[in-house]
């Protein structure tokens, strides 16, 4: 059995502490900052100079970013065209360094032991880009993430998640150019990206500071093996084993439950519309400070998903009577096997994910729009009105709020 001490969990939490809001942030005034400081402060959930409970922070840069990274994980024609257009646009209008990373996904061998038994390392090899409208051949060798002050991701939400793997400590503000299928976090089209770049020192940008989870992996001797941050979820499941998995769960050092099923996932509110939703978990607004506890295919009639306060610590133990190894997956970017006696500790991360929103929008508005447009949440054809008079009539309330559909 693991050398696990539940009492240690309360002293190990990385949860946010209460801070005093500065007057400028409390009144919603723009936060004027140097781009270097913006990356550090916006990705620090405990920054006392920012409102820790505010979801959206208006930011105006006092200078243009000196180094911009463009990331993409697909190389189809549409992505290549968008990438070339962005590189040309930035180099033509702004005096800054542009680096391109188009190999975020490593080549994975098909052998199951190598697929799930090892950490997927970030690819740092050679890549290049050729501008068709330029005679020069621009080369992008090993990616240097140091001093990057703004990130533009071309793709979908999965590509944005991989930014966390590239920037494990300080994440610069991220603009998502939507080229994927969902677009919960990748919210921009090309014209909106160009408009945002143009006004970053004038109009400014709105940054949504999304809460993340901090995940630590311990061996059966209590040795810390690895730590990761998760924007969507941390999953502990049966992996490639055909047997049902058994997991003992502690919350704040107290025995919580034993999971019997295909596995367990702990999700953030931002990840509540991803794997957690597919597994039957609730949809939670990104501003709600919480962790979602969702069991995958539970072998129990009485199970229901649970929402827990984010200031607690969850420990998931692979007990000695579990049939085989379990598997850990963090945001789909990190996979490893968990032997009997190993355990995973999940708490609130000290790091936030600074996601840039389109101009004149807020997290709440974007969240509602994504629910309606991407998930078609609660969609139903409105029932016909049974009217005595054939003329259209509206109540005073309906006139005030306007048409609903």
Protein backbone atom coordinates (compact mmCIF):
# COMPACT_ATOMS: atom_id res chain seq x y z
CA UNK A 1 0.00 0.00 0.00
CA UNK A 2 1.16 3.59 -0.54
CA UNK A 3 3.04 5.46 2.12
CA UNK A 4 0.23 7.99 1.99
CA UNK A 5 -0.48 10.46 4.80
CA UNK A 6 -3.83 12.25 4.35
CA UNK A 7 -2.97 14.90 6.92
CA UNK A 8 -0.23 16.27 4.67
CA UNK A 9 -2.73 17.35 2.02
CA UNK A 10 -4.02 20.43 3.81
CA UNK A 11 -0.51 21.83 4.06
CA UNK A 12 0.16 21.11 0.42
CA UNK A 13 -2.65 23.08 -1.22
CA UNK A 14 -1.81 25.63 -3.88
CA UNK A 15 -5.22 27.29 -3.56
CA UNK A 16 -5.65 31.03 -3.93
CA UNK A 17 -5.52 33.16 -0.81
CA UNK A 18 -7.74 36.21 -0.26
CA UNK A 19 -6.14 39.41 -1.49
CA UNK A 20 -7.09 43.07 -1.47
CA UNK A 21 -8.25 44.46 -4.77
CA UNK A 22 -6.51 47.56 -6.06
CA UNK A 23 -8.81 50.54 -6.68
CA UNK A 24 -8.08 50.69 -10.39
CA UNK A 25 -8.95 47.03 -10.95
CA UNK A 26 -11.96 47.17 -8.65
CA UNK A 27 -13.53 49.91 -10.74
CA UNK A 28 -12.79 48.11 -14.00
CA UNK A 29 -10.24 50.62 -15.32
CA UNK A 30 -7.64 49.28 -17.78
CA UNK A 31 -4.48 47.85 -16.29
CA UNK A 32 -1.51 49.61 -17.95
CA UNK A 33 1.50 47.33 -17.98
CA UNK A 34 4.69 46.40 -19.78
CA UNK A 35 4.20 43.23 -21.91
CA UNK A 36 6.88 41.40 -19.92
CA UNK A 37 5.09 42.13 -16.66
CA UNK A 38 1.73 41.28 -18.23
CA UNK A 39 2.79 37.70 -18.91
CA UNK A 40 4.03 37.28 -15.35
CA UNK A 41 1.17 38.98 -13.52
CA UNK A 42 -1.78 37.76 -15.60
CA UNK A 43 -0.68 34.13 -15.26
CA UNK A 44 -0.23 34.47 -11.48
CA UNK A 45 -3.57 33.79 -9.81
CA UNK A 46 -2.25 35.21 -6.52
CA UNK A 47 -1.06 38.59 -7.85
CA UNK A 48 -2.06 41.17 -5.22
CA UNK A 49 -2.08 43.94 -7.83
CA UNK A 50 -4.96 42.32 -9.70
CA UNK A 51 -8.45 41.36 -8.51
CA UNK A 52 -8.10 37.66 -7.64
CA UNK A 53 -11.85 37.12 -7.97
CA UNK A 54 -12.20 39.01 -11.26
CA UNK A 55 -12.57 36.81 -14.30
CA UNK A 56 -11.77 39.49 -16.89
CA UNK A 57 -8.94 42.03 -16.68
CA UNK A 58 -8.72 44.95 -19.17
CA UNK A 59 -5.06 45.44 -20.15
CA UNK A 60 -3.33 48.15 -22.17
CA UNK A 61 0.29 47.54 -23.18
CA UNK A 62 2.69 50.48 -22.83
CA UNK A 63 4.66 49.18 -25.82
CA UNK A 64 4.23 46.62 -28.57
CA UNK A 65 5.34 43.03 -27.80
CA UNK A 66 8.92 42.43 -28.87
CA UNK A 67 8.48 38.70 -29.39
CA UNK A 68 5.33 36.94 -30.65
CA UNK A 69 4.95 33.18 -30.99
CA UNK A 70 2.59 31.60 -33.51
CA UNK A 71 1.62 28.01 -32.68
CA UNK A 72 -0.25 25.42 -34.71
CA UNK A 73 -0.52 21.65 -34.53
CA UNK A 74 -2.01 20.97 -37.95
CA UNK A 75 -0.37 21.60 -41.29
CA UNK A 76 -3.30 21.51 -43.68
CA UNK A 77 -3.65 24.17 -46.38
CA UNK A 78 -6.00 26.39 -44.37
CA UNK A 79 -3.66 26.50 -41.36
CA UNK A 80 -0.59 27.15 -43.52
CA UNK A 81 -2.39 29.97 -45.33
CA UNK A 82 -3.47 31.58 -42.07
CA UNK A 83 0.00 31.21 -40.59
CA UNK A 84 1.67 32.81 -43.60
CA UNK A 85 -0.82 35.66 -43.59
CA UNK A 86 -0.20 36.37 -39.90
CA UNK A 87 3.59 36.30 -40.27
CA UNK A 88 3.43 38.70 -43.21
CA UNK A 89 1.02 41.02 -41.44
CA UNK A 90 3.05 41.23 -38.22
CA UNK A 91 6.39 41.70 -39.96
CA UNK A 92 4.94 44.38 -42.24
CA UNK A 93 3.24 46.48 -39.56
CA UNK A 94 5.16 45.87 -36.34
CA UNK A 95 8.77 45.88 -35.25
CA UNK A 96 9.04 42.57 -33.39
CA UNK A 97 10.41 39.05 -33.58
CA UNK A 98 8.02 36.37 -34.84
CA UNK A 99 8.70 32.73 -34.09
CA UNK A 100 6.62 29.87 -35.44
CA UNK A 101 6.07 26.48 -33.85
CA UNK A 102 4.13 24.06 -36.04
CA UNK A 103 5.27 20.78 -34.50
CA UNK A 104 3.57 20.81 -31.09
CA UNK A 105 2.47 17.20 -31.46
CA UNK A 106 5.32 14.66 -31.34
CA UNK A 107 5.46 11.59 -33.53
CA UNK A 108 4.02 8.76 -31.41
CA UNK A 109 4.96 5.15 -32.08
CA UNK A 110 2.12 2.65 -32.19
CA UNK A 111 3.52 0.30 -29.55
CA UNK A 112 1.26 0.44 -26.51
CA UNK A 113 4.09 0.42 -23.98
CA UNK A 114 5.72 3.43 -25.58
CA UNK A 115 2.37 5.13 -26.16
CA UNK A 116 1.22 5.12 -22.55
CA UNK A 117 4.33 4.30 -20.55
CA UNK A 118 6.38 7.38 -21.24
CA UNK A 119 6.02 11.13 -21.05
CA UNK A 120 5.36 12.79 -24.40
CA UNK A 121 8.17 15.31 -24.67
CA UNK A 122 7.81 18.61 -26.50
CA UNK A 123 9.21 18.51 -30.01
CA UNK A 124 12.02 21.05 -30.38
CA UNK A 125 13.38 20.06 -33.75
CA UNK A 126 13.83 21.99 -36.98
CA UNK A 127 10.91 23.52 -38.80
CA UNK A 128 10.69 26.10 -41.57
CA UNK A 129 8.23 28.34 -43.33
CA UNK A 130 8.36 29.81 -46.81
CA UNK A 131 6.49 33.00 -47.60
CA UNK A 132 5.16 32.76 -51.14
CA UNK A 133 5.04 36.56 -51.50
CA UNK A 134 8.59 36.95 -50.26
CA UNK A 135 11.77 35.76 -51.91
CA UNK A 136 13.42 35.05 -48.57
CA UNK A 137 13.26 31.68 -46.89
CA UNK A 138 12.46 32.11 -43.21
CA UNK A 139 13.82 29.37 -40.98
CA UNK A 140 12.55 28.54 -37.49
CA UNK A 141 14.94 26.26 -35.68
CA UNK A 142 14.69 25.11 -32.08
CA UNK A 143 11.97 27.12 -30.42
CA UNK A 144 13.13 29.58 -27.77
CA UNK A 145 10.15 30.34 -25.55
CA UNK A 146 12.09 32.81 -23.42
CA UNK A 147 10.90 36.43 -23.60
CA UNK A 148 7.77 35.56 -25.59
CA UNK A 149 5.23 38.29 -24.75
CA UNK A 150 2.22 37.21 -26.82
CA UNK A 151 1.03 33.89 -28.26
CA UNK A 152 -1.26 33.39 -31.25
CA UNK A 153 -2.59 29.85 -31.56
CA UNK A 154 -3.95 28.69 -34.92
CA UNK A 155 -6.28 25.73 -34.48
CA UNK A 156 -8.82 24.63 -31.91
CA UNK A 157 -9.08 24.24 -28.18
CA UNK A 158 -6.80 21.18 -28.19
CA UNK A 159 -3.98 23.24 -29.68
CA UNK A 160 -4.43 25.92 -27.01
CA UNK A 161 -4.10 23.27 -24.29
CA UNK A 162 -0.65 22.39 -25.58
CA UNK A 163 0.58 25.90 -24.80
CA UNK A 164 0.59 24.90 -21.11
CA UNK A 165 3.13 22.19 -21.92
CA UNK A 166 5.39 24.74 -23.65
CA UNK A 167 5.07 27.34 -20.87
CA UNK A 168 4.95 25.46 -17.54
CA UNK A 169 5.62 28.54 -15.36
CA UNK A 170 4.69 31.87 -16.97
CA UNK A 171 2.14 31.90 -19.79
CA UNK A 172 1.94 35.01 -21.99
CA UNK A 173 -1.56 36.16 -23.06
CA UNK A 174 -2.99 33.75 -25.65
CA UNK A 175 -5.06 34.68 -28.71
CA UNK A 176 -6.88 31.73 -30.29
CA UNK A 177 -7.50 31.89 -34.06
CA UNK A 178 -10.29 29.41 -34.58
CA UNK A 179 -9.53 26.69 -37.13
CA UNK A 180 -10.99 23.76 -35.16
CA UNK A 181 -14.40 22.22 -34.65
CA UNK A 182 -15.53 23.68 -31.30
CA UNK A 183 -13.83 26.97 -30.53
CA UNK A 184 -14.63 27.34 -26.85
CA UNK A 185 -11.26 29.00 -26.26
CA UNK A 186 -10.22 29.74 -29.84
CA UNK A 187 -12.61 32.65 -30.34
CA UNK A 188 -11.01 34.89 -32.99
CA UNK A 189 -11.25 35.06 -36.77
CA UNK A 190 -8.42 36.56 -38.82
CA UNK A 191 -9.80 40.11 -38.99
CA UNK A 192 -10.36 40.14 -35.22
CA UNK A 193 -6.77 39.03 -34.60
CA UNK A 194 -5.44 41.87 -36.76
CA UNK A 195 -7.73 44.38 -35.06
CA UNK A 196 -6.58 43.21 -31.62
CA UNK A 197 -2.90 43.48 -32.60
CA UNK A 198 -3.48 46.99 -33.92
CA UNK A 199 -5.14 48.28 -30.76
CA UNK A 200 -3.09 46.46 -28.11
CA UNK A 201 -1.39 49.72 -27.02
CA UNK A 202 -4.44 51.92 -27.49
CA UNK A 203 -7.77 50.17 -26.99
CA UNK A 204 -6.05 47.34 -25.16
CA UNK A 205 -7.18 43.75 -24.69
CA UNK A 206 -9.45 41.91 -22.28
CA UNK A 207 -7.82 38.91 -20.65
CA UNK A 208 -9.89 36.14 -19.07
CA UNK A 209 -7.82 34.54 -16.29
CA UNK A 210 -8.96 30.92 -16.34
CA UNK A 211 -8.39 28.81 -13.24
CA UNK A 212 -6.21 25.72 -13.55
CA UNK A 213 -5.52 22.60 -11.50
CA UNK A 214 -2.14 21.62 -10.09
CA UNK A 215 -1.43 17.88 -10.41
CA UNK A 216 1.31 16.02 -8.55
CA UNK A 217 2.23 12.34 -9.00
CA UNK A 218 3.71 10.36 -6.10
CA UNK A 219 5.25 6.89 -6.05
CA UNK A 220 4.38 4.14 -3.57
CA UNK A 221 7.26 5.39 -1.39
CA UNK A 222 5.86 8.94 -1.28
CA UNK A 223 8.44 10.33 -3.70
CA UNK A 224 7.27 13.18 -5.92
CA UNK A 225 7.65 11.99 -9.51
CA UNK A 226 6.22 14.83 -11.57
CA UNK A 227 3.93 17.84 -11.43
CA UNK A 228 1.75 19.37 -14.13
CA UNK A 229 -0.93 22.05 -14.55
CA UNK A 230 -4.29 21.27 -16.14
CA UNK A 231 -6.68 23.75 -17.74
CA UNK A 232 -9.38 21.21 -18.56
CA UNK A 233 -9.06 18.04 -16.51
CA UNK A 234 -6.96 15.41 -14.81
CA UNK A 235 -8.06 11.85 -15.62
CA UNK A 236 -7.19 8.64 -13.77
CA UNK A 237 -8.62 5.64 -15.60
CA UNK A 238 -8.03 1.96 -16.34
CA UNK A 239 -5.93 2.75 -19.42
CA UNK A 240 -5.38 -0.29 -21.61
CA UNK A 241 -6.44 -2.73 -18.92
CA UNK A 242 -9.64 -4.70 -19.68
CA UNK A 243 -10.51 -4.84 -15.97
CA UNK A 244 -12.57 -2.40 -13.97
CA UNK A 245 -10.49 0.05 -11.94
CA UNK A 246 -10.68 0.76 -8.20
CA UNK A 247 -9.53 4.11 -6.83
CA UNK A 248 -9.58 5.36 -3.23
CA UNK A 249 -10.27 9.10 -2.98
CA UNK A 250 -9.53 11.50 -0.11
CA UNK A 251 -10.72 15.12 0.10
CA UNK A 252 -8.92 17.51 2.48
CA UNK A 253 -7.25 14.51 4.12
CA UNK A 254 -10.55 12.76 4.86
CA UNK A 255 -11.73 9.59 3.14
CA UNK A 256 -14.23 10.64 0.47
CA UNK A 257 -15.20 7.62 -1.61
CA UNK A 258 -13.98 4.59 -3.53
CA UNK A 259 -14.47 4.80 -7.28
CA UNK A 260 -15.33 1.59 -9.09
CA UNK A 261 -15.68 1.98 -12.83
CA UNK A 262 -13.67 2.99 -15.88
CA UNK A 263 -12.03 5.85 -14.03
CA UNK A 264 -12.32 9.29 -12.53
CA UNK A 265 -11.80 12.81 -13.81
CA UNK A 266 -11.31 16.04 -11.86
CA UNK A 267 -12.21 19.00 -14.03
CA UNK A 268 -12.05 22.77 -13.92
CA UNK A 269 -15.12 24.87 -14.78
CA UNK A 270 -13.44 25.67 -18.11
CA UNK A 271 -13.17 21.93 -18.76
CA UNK A 272 -16.77 21.23 -17.75
CA UNK A 273 -17.86 21.34 -21.40
CA UNK A 274 -15.17 18.85 -22.48
CA UNK A 275 -14.55 15.28 -21.26
CA UNK A 276 -16.46 15.90 -18.02
CA UNK A 277 -19.65 16.80 -19.89
CA UNK A 278 -19.32 13.72 -22.09
CA UNK A 279 -19.03 11.62 -18.92
CA UNK A 280 -22.23 13.11 -17.49
CA UNK A 281 -20.75 15.94 -15.44
CA UNK A 282 -22.40 19.34 -14.94
CA UNK A 283 -21.69 22.48 -16.98
CA UNK A 284 -20.16 25.14 -14.72
CA UNK A 285 -19.45 28.81 -15.42
CA UNK A 286 -15.68 29.53 -15.65
CA UNK A 287 -15.88 32.13 -12.84
CA UNK A 288 -17.14 29.61 -10.26
CA UNK A 289 -14.17 28.57 -8.06
CA UNK A 290 -14.69 24.82 -8.05
CA UNK A 291 -13.47 21.36 -9.01
CA UNK A 292 -15.78 18.88 -10.74
CA UNK A 293 -15.69 15.28 -9.53
CA UNK A 294 -16.99 12.99 -12.30
CA UNK A 295 -16.73 9.19 -12.45
CA UNK A 296 -16.37 7.56 -15.86
CA UNK A 297 -18.85 4.70 -16.36
CA UNK A 298 -19.43 4.11 -12.61
CA UNK A 299 -20.44 0.60 -11.57
CA UNK A 300 -22.98 2.07 -9.19
CA UNK A 301 -26.64 3.05 -9.54
CA UNK A 302 -26.42 5.65 -6.75
CA UNK A 303 -23.48 7.66 -8.13
CA UNK A 304 -23.95 11.33 -9.01
CA UNK A 305 -21.32 13.89 -10.11
CA UNK A 306 -20.18 16.32 -7.40
CA UNK A 307 -18.94 19.93 -7.43
CA UNK A 308 -16.30 20.64 -4.77
CA UNK A 309 -14.75 23.91 -3.52
CA UNK A 310 -11.48 24.70 -5.23
CA UNK A 311 -9.66 25.40 -1.96
CA UNK A 312 -9.53 21.69 -1.09
CA UNK A 313 -7.05 18.97 -2.01
CA UNK A 314 -8.05 15.71 -3.70
CA UNK A 315 -5.86 12.61 -3.40
CA UNK A 316 -6.54 9.68 -5.74
CA UNK A 317 -4.81 6.45 -4.68
CA UNK A 318 -4.33 3.30 -6.74
CA UNK A 319 -4.87 0.65 -4.02
CA UNK A 320 -3.09 -2.68 -3.81
CA UNK A 321 -6.28 -4.57 -4.76
CA UNK A 322 -6.68 -2.70 -8.05
CA UNK A 323 -6.35 -5.13 -10.94
CA UNK A 324 -3.29 -3.90 -12.76
CA UNK A 325 -2.03 -0.37 -13.34
CA UNK A 326 -4.09 2.76 -13.71
CA UNK A 327 -3.34 5.54 -16.18
CA UNK A 328 -3.03 9.29 -15.66
CA UNK A 329 -3.81 11.83 -18.35
CA UNK A 330 -3.51 15.61 -17.92
CA UNK A 331 -5.27 17.70 -20.58
CA UNK A 332 -4.46 15.02 -23.15
CA UNK A 333 -0.82 16.17 -23.16
CA UNK A 334 0.77 14.04 -20.45
CA UNK A 335 0.23 10.29 -20.02
CA UNK A 336 1.81 7.85 -17.62
CA UNK A 337 1.07 4.58 -15.85
CA UNK A 338 0.27 4.46 -12.13
CA UNK A 339 1.25 1.30 -10.29
CA UNK A 340 -0.46 0.02 -7.16
CA UNK A 341 0.42 2.33 -4.28
CA UNK A 342 0.95 5.38 -6.48
CA UNK A 343 -1.28 8.38 -5.88
CA UNK A 344 -2.19 11.66 -7.57
CA UNK A 345 -2.74 14.92 -5.68
CA UNK A 346 -4.95 17.60 -7.25
CA UNK A 347 -5.49 21.14 -5.97
CA UNK A 348 -5.92 24.67 -7.27
CA UNK A 349 -2.94 25.93 -9.24
CA UNK A 350 -1.17 29.16 -8.41
CA UNK A 351 -1.04 29.75 -12.14
CA UNK A 352 -3.89 31.13 -14.25
CA UNK A 353 -4.33 30.78 -18.00
CA UNK A 354 -4.52 34.27 -19.62
CA UNK A 355 -6.92 33.89 -22.53
CA UNK A 356 -7.52 36.98 -24.66
CA UNK A 357 -11.17 37.71 -25.52
CA UNK A 358 -12.44 39.43 -28.66
CA UNK A 359 -12.98 43.18 -28.28
CA UNK A 360 -16.12 44.33 -26.46
CA UNK A 361 -16.84 40.88 -25.04
CA UNK A 362 -16.70 39.31 -21.60
CA UNK A 363 -16.31 35.76 -20.34
CA UNK A 364 -19.98 35.50 -19.40
CA UNK A 365 -21.14 36.60 -22.87
CA UNK A 366 -18.69 34.28 -24.63
CA UNK A 367 -19.69 31.38 -22.40
CA UNK A 368 -23.39 31.79 -23.23
CA UNK A 369 -22.62 32.18 -26.94
CA UNK A 370 -20.49 29.03 -26.99
CA UNK A 371 -23.19 27.03 -25.19
CA UNK A 372 -25.81 28.08 -27.70
CA UNK A 373 -23.79 28.06 -30.91
CA UNK A 374 -21.39 25.16 -30.38
CA UNK A 375 -23.26 22.79 -28.08
CA UNK A 376 -26.80 23.89 -29.02
CA UNK A 377 -27.53 23.77 -25.30
CA UNK A 378 -31.23 23.44 -24.44
CA UNK A 379 -32.18 23.90 -28.08
CA UNK A 380 -35.80 23.28 -28.92
CA UNK A 381 -38.17 24.62 -31.52
CA UNK A 382 -40.38 27.12 -29.72
CA UNK A 383 -43.97 25.97 -29.37
CA UNK A 384 -46.65 27.79 -31.36
CA UNK A 385 -48.67 30.50 -29.66
CA UNK A 386 -52.39 29.85 -29.32
CA UNK A 387 -53.77 33.28 -30.14
CA UNK A 388 -57.36 34.38 -30.02
CA UNK A 389 -56.52 37.51 -31.98
CA UNK A 390 -54.60 37.06 -35.22
CA UNK A 391 -52.57 40.22 -34.57
CA UNK A 392 -49.15 39.89 -32.99
CA UNK A 393 -49.22 41.02 -29.38
CA UNK A 394 -46.35 41.43 -26.93
CA UNK A 395 -46.36 41.92 -23.19
CA UNK A 396 -44.48 44.82 -21.64
CA UNK A 397 -41.72 42.44 -20.50
CA UNK A 398 -41.31 41.04 -24.01
CA UNK A 399 -41.03 44.55 -25.43
CA UNK A 400 -38.35 45.41 -22.88
CA UNK A 401 -36.14 42.36 -23.52
CA UNK A 402 -36.86 41.99 -27.22
CA UNK A 403 -37.23 38.79 -29.23
CA UNK A 404 -35.76 35.66 -27.64
CA UNK A 405 -35.03 33.86 -30.88
